[in-house]
């Protein structure tokens, strides 16, 4: 299945099994989308049913602080470039 995410889908076109998502998004774009979804879930405290609640614990506060530090670092690097 790795041939679906080869940038412009050249291998997929040869096999006549074109995945429209692979023509639009590269593996890096898919990774960015997944990371953004995970960050939103982490910051908002979403959790599956039947799991322990950690949204208002000290550990979640530290995790949010770490996400903020990483965001500030990336913003600094983006404006400096």
Protein backbone atom coordinates (compact mmCIF):
# COMPACT_ATOMS: atom_id res chain seq x y z
CA UNK A 1 0.00 0.00 0.00
CA UNK A 2 2.99 2.35 0.23
CA UNK A 3 2.65 3.08 -3.47
CA UNK A 4 -0.46 5.18 -2.77
CA UNK A 5 1.54 7.96 -1.11
CA UNK A 6 4.30 8.54 -3.65
CA UNK A 7 3.69 12.21 -4.18
CA UNK A 8 1.84 12.58 -7.44
CA UNK A 9 0.68 8.96 -7.67
CA UNK A 10 2.69 7.95 -10.73
CA UNK A 11 2.83 4.29 -9.71
CA UNK A 12 -0.88 4.35 -8.85
CA UNK A 13 -1.72 5.64 -12.33
CA UNK A 14 0.23 2.79 -13.92
CA UNK A 15 -1.79 0.28 -11.92
CA UNK A 16 -5.07 2.07 -12.72
CA UNK A 17 -5.91 2.24 -9.02
CA UNK A 18 -5.61 5.96 -8.44
CA UNK A 19 -6.34 7.22 -4.96
CA UNK A 20 -7.47 10.85 -5.22
CA UNK A 21 -6.03 11.66 -1.80
CA UNK A 22 -2.56 10.58 -2.90
CA UNK A 23 -2.72 12.95 -5.86
CA UNK A 24 -3.43 15.90 -3.57
CA UNK A 25 -1.54 15.16 -0.35
CA UNK A 26 1.99 13.91 0.13
CA UNK A 27 3.02 11.79 3.11
CA UNK A 28 4.22 14.93 4.86
CA UNK A 29 0.84 16.63 4.50
CA UNK A 30 -0.89 13.53 5.88
CA UNK A 31 1.52 13.55 8.82
CA UNK A 32 0.79 17.22 9.52
CA UNK A 33 -2.97 16.57 9.52
CA UNK A 34 -2.58 13.65 11.93
CA UNK A 35 -0.36 15.68 14.27
CA UNK A 36 -2.85 18.57 14.26
CA UNK A 37 -5.73 16.23 15.11
CA UNK A 38 -3.70 14.67 17.94
CA UNK A 39 -2.74 18.11 19.29
CA UNK A 40 -6.36 19.28 19.30
CA UNK A 41 -7.41 16.10 21.08
CA UNK A 42 -4.63 16.55 23.63
CA UNK A 43 -5.38 20.20 24.36
CA UNK A 44 -9.16 19.80 24.59
CA UNK A 45 -8.94 16.64 26.71
CA UNK A 46 -10.93 14.35 24.42
CA UNK A 47 -10.90 10.73 25.54
CA UNK A 48 -12.47 7.42 24.53
CA UNK A 49 -15.29 5.94 26.60
CA UNK A 50 -14.20 3.91 29.59
CA UNK A 51 -10.81 5.59 30.09
CA UNK A 52 -9.56 7.69 32.98
CA UNK A 53 -10.13 11.43 32.98
CA UNK A 54 -6.83 13.36 32.76
CA UNK A 55 -7.93 16.73 31.35
CA UNK A 56 -7.51 18.65 34.63
CA UNK A 57 -4.49 16.86 36.05
CA UNK A 58 -1.00 18.26 36.55
CA UNK A 59 0.38 15.97 33.84
CA UNK A 60 -2.02 17.42 31.25
CA UNK A 61 -1.00 20.92 32.34
CA UNK A 62 2.64 20.10 31.74
CA UNK A 63 1.77 18.56 28.36
CA UNK A 64 -0.08 21.73 27.35
CA UNK A 65 2.89 23.80 28.46
CA UNK A 66 5.20 21.64 26.33
CA UNK A 67 2.89 22.05 23.31
CA UNK A 68 2.92 25.82 23.84
CA UNK A 69 6.73 25.85 24.01
CA UNK A 70 6.96 23.85 20.78
CA UNK A 71 4.46 26.19 19.10
CA UNK A 72 6.47 29.24 20.16
CA UNK A 73 9.68 27.62 18.90
CA UNK A 74 8.15 26.84 15.49
CA UNK A 75 6.67 30.34 15.24
CA UNK A 76 10.10 31.83 15.99
CA UNK A 77 11.76 29.61 13.37
CA UNK A 78 9.09 30.47 10.80
CA UNK A 79 9.45 34.23 11.28
CA UNK A 80 13.24 34.00 11.28
CA UNK A 81 13.38 32.09 7.97
